[in-house]
């Protein structure tokens, strides 16, 4: 994770720049911080090497996807 050691403000700046750089391209991002993938068109949640959930952030929250929502709650504080 390129932003794992950064404070949230620095991460936000990098994410804004990444959105510009990646626009119109397919990009694979591996992340533990959901803020790094929140705006992705499709999020794949992997557990023990298997895709267990997929969708956009809004879809995964609406579906109350077990793994994604658990991580979301933990990161929201």
C-alpha atoms as a PDB file:
ATOM      1  CA  UNK A   1       0.000   0.000   0.000  1.00  0.00           C
ATOM      2  CA  UNK A   2       1.659   3.162  -1.186  1.00  0.00           C
ATOM      3  CA  UNK A   3      -0.129   5.364   1.354  1.00  0.00           C
ATOM      4  CA  UNK A   4      -0.078   3.087   4.422  1.00  0.00           C
ATOM      5  CA  UNK A   5       2.501   5.146   6.335  1.00  0.00           C
ATOM      6  CA  UNK A   6       1.005   8.545   5.481  1.00  0.00           C
ATOM      7  CA  UNK A   7      -1.228  10.780   7.543  1.00  0.00           C
ATOM      8  CA  UNK A   8      -4.758  11.212   6.219  1.00  0.00           C
ATOM      9  CA  UNK A   9      -4.157  14.676   4.725  1.00  0.00           C
ATOM     10  CA  UNK A  10      -1.158  13.477   2.700  1.00  0.00           C
ATOM     11  CA  UNK A  11      -3.123  10.396   1.640  1.00  0.00           C
ATOM     12  CA  UNK A  12      -6.021  12.613   0.513  1.00  0.00           C
ATOM     13  CA  UNK A  13      -3.697  14.675  -1.690  1.00  0.00           C
ATOM     14  CA  UNK A  14      -2.203  11.553  -3.257  1.00  0.00           C
ATOM     15  CA  UNK A  15      -5.672  10.080  -3.848  1.00  0.00           C
ATOM     16  CA  UNK A  16      -6.768  13.258  -5.636  1.00  0.00           C
ATOM     17  CA  UNK A  17      -3.717  13.078  -7.892  1.00  0.00           C
ATOM     18  CA  UNK A  18      -4.292   9.358  -8.510  1.00  0.00           C
ATOM     19  CA  UNK A  19      -7.849  10.057  -9.669  1.00  0.00           C
ATOM     20  CA  UNK A  20      -6.486  12.427 -12.301  1.00  0.00           C
ATOM     21  CA  UNK A  21      -3.680  10.109 -13.390  1.00  0.00           C
ATOM     22  CA  UNK A  22      -5.913   7.015 -13.558  1.00  0.00           C
ATOM     23  CA  UNK A  23      -8.873   8.615 -15.312  1.00  0.00           C
ATOM     24  CA  UNK A  24      -9.816   6.580 -18.382  1.00  0.00           C
ATOM     25  CA  UNK A  25      -7.564   3.675 -17.385  1.00  0.00           C
ATOM     26  CA  UNK A  26      -8.039   0.333 -15.681  1.00  0.00           C
ATOM     27  CA  UNK A  27      -6.117   0.302 -12.416  1.00  0.00           C
ATOM     28  CA  UNK A  28      -5.623  -2.420  -9.823  1.00  0.00           C
ATOM     29  CA  UNK A  29      -5.187  -1.149  -6.268  1.00  0.00           C
ATOM     30  CA  UNK A  30      -4.427  -3.471  -3.367  1.00  0.00           C
ATOM     31  CA  UNK A  31      -5.329  -1.753  -0.116  1.00  0.00           C
ATOM     32  CA  UNK A  32      -6.382  -2.199   3.476  1.00  0.00           C
ATOM     33  CA  UNK A  33      -7.509   1.402   3.867  1.00  0.00           C
ATOM     34  CA  UNK A  34     -10.925   1.684   2.265  1.00  0.00           C
ATOM     35  CA  UNK A  35     -10.302   5.349   1.535  1.00  0.00           C
ATOM     36  CA  UNK A  36      -7.858   4.164  -1.150  1.00  0.00           C
ATOM     37  CA  UNK A  37     -10.612   2.313  -3.039  1.00  0.00           C
ATOM     38  CA  UNK A  38     -13.826   4.072  -2.030  1.00  0.00           C
ATOM     39  CA  UNK A  39     -14.261   5.759  -5.424  1.00  0.00           C
ATOM     40  CA  UNK A  40     -13.472   2.633  -7.460  1.00  0.00           C
ATOM     41  CA  UNK A  41     -16.114   1.403  -9.887  1.00  0.00           C
ATOM     42  CA  UNK A  42     -15.640  -2.162  -8.645  1.00  0.00           C
ATOM     43  CA  UNK A  43     -14.146  -3.342  -5.376  1.00  0.00           C
ATOM     44  CA  UNK A  44     -13.169  -6.983  -4.934  1.00  0.00           C
ATOM     45  CA  UNK A  45     -12.905  -8.204  -1.347  1.00  0.00           C
ATOM     46  CA  UNK A  46     -10.483 -11.111  -0.996  1.00  0.00           C
ATOM     47  CA  UNK A  47     -10.372 -13.446   2.002  1.00  0.00           C
ATOM     48  CA  UNK A  48      -7.886 -16.315   2.139  1.00  0.00           C
ATOM     49  CA  UNK A  49      -7.203 -16.009  -1.579  1.00  0.00           C
ATOM     50  CA  UNK A  50     -10.868 -16.094  -2.637  1.00  0.00           C
ATOM     51  CA  UNK A  51     -13.063 -13.242  -3.868  1.00  0.00           C
ATOM     52  CA  UNK A  52     -15.837 -13.147  -1.271  1.00  0.00           C
ATOM     53  CA  UNK A  53     -17.574  -9.851  -2.105  1.00  0.00           C
ATOM     54  CA  UNK A  54     -17.640  -7.394  -4.976  1.00  0.00           C
ATOM     55  CA  UNK A  55     -19.344  -4.175  -5.957  1.00  0.00           C
ATOM     56  CA  UNK A  56     -18.949  -0.443  -5.573  1.00  0.00           C
ATOM     57  CA  UNK A  57     -18.579   1.088  -2.115  1.00  0.00           C
ATOM     58  CA  UNK A  58     -22.268   2.044  -2.110  1.00  0.00           C
ATOM     59  CA  UNK A  59     -23.342  -1.426  -3.267  1.00  0.00           C
ATOM     60  CA  UNK A  60     -21.258  -3.213  -0.645  1.00  0.00           C
ATOM     61  CA  UNK A  61     -22.599  -0.964   2.121  1.00  0.00           C
ATOM     62  CA  UNK A  62     -26.204  -1.374   0.903  1.00  0.00           C
ATOM     63  CA  UNK A  63     -25.773  -5.163   0.733  1.00  0.00           C
ATOM     64  CA  UNK A  64     -24.291  -5.101   4.226  1.00  0.00           C
ATOM     65  CA  UNK A  65     -21.422  -7.188   2.849  1.00  0.00           C
ATOM     66  CA  UNK A  66     -19.906  -8.939   5.868  1.00  0.00           C
ATOM     67  CA  UNK A  67     -16.167  -8.421   5.296  1.00  0.00           C
ATOM     68  CA  UNK A  68     -16.353  -4.986   3.685  1.00  0.00           C
ATOM     69  CA  UNK A  69     -18.777  -3.559   6.236  1.00  0.00           C
ATOM     70  CA  UNK A  70     -16.747  -4.914   9.154  1.00  0.00           C
ATOM     71  CA  UNK A  71     -13.621  -3.193   7.839  1.00  0.00           C
ATOM     72  CA  UNK A  72     -15.638  -0.043   7.097  1.00  0.00           C
ATOM     73  CA  UNK A  73     -16.942   0.100  10.688  1.00  0.00           C
ATOM     74  CA  UNK A  74     -13.439  -0.413  12.111  1.00  0.00           C
ATOM     75  CA  UNK A  75     -11.992   2.376   9.994  1.00  0.00           C
ATOM     76  CA  UNK A  76     -14.832   4.793  10.736  1.00  0.00           C
ATOM     77  CA  UNK A  77     -14.019   4.592  14.441  1.00  0.00           C
END
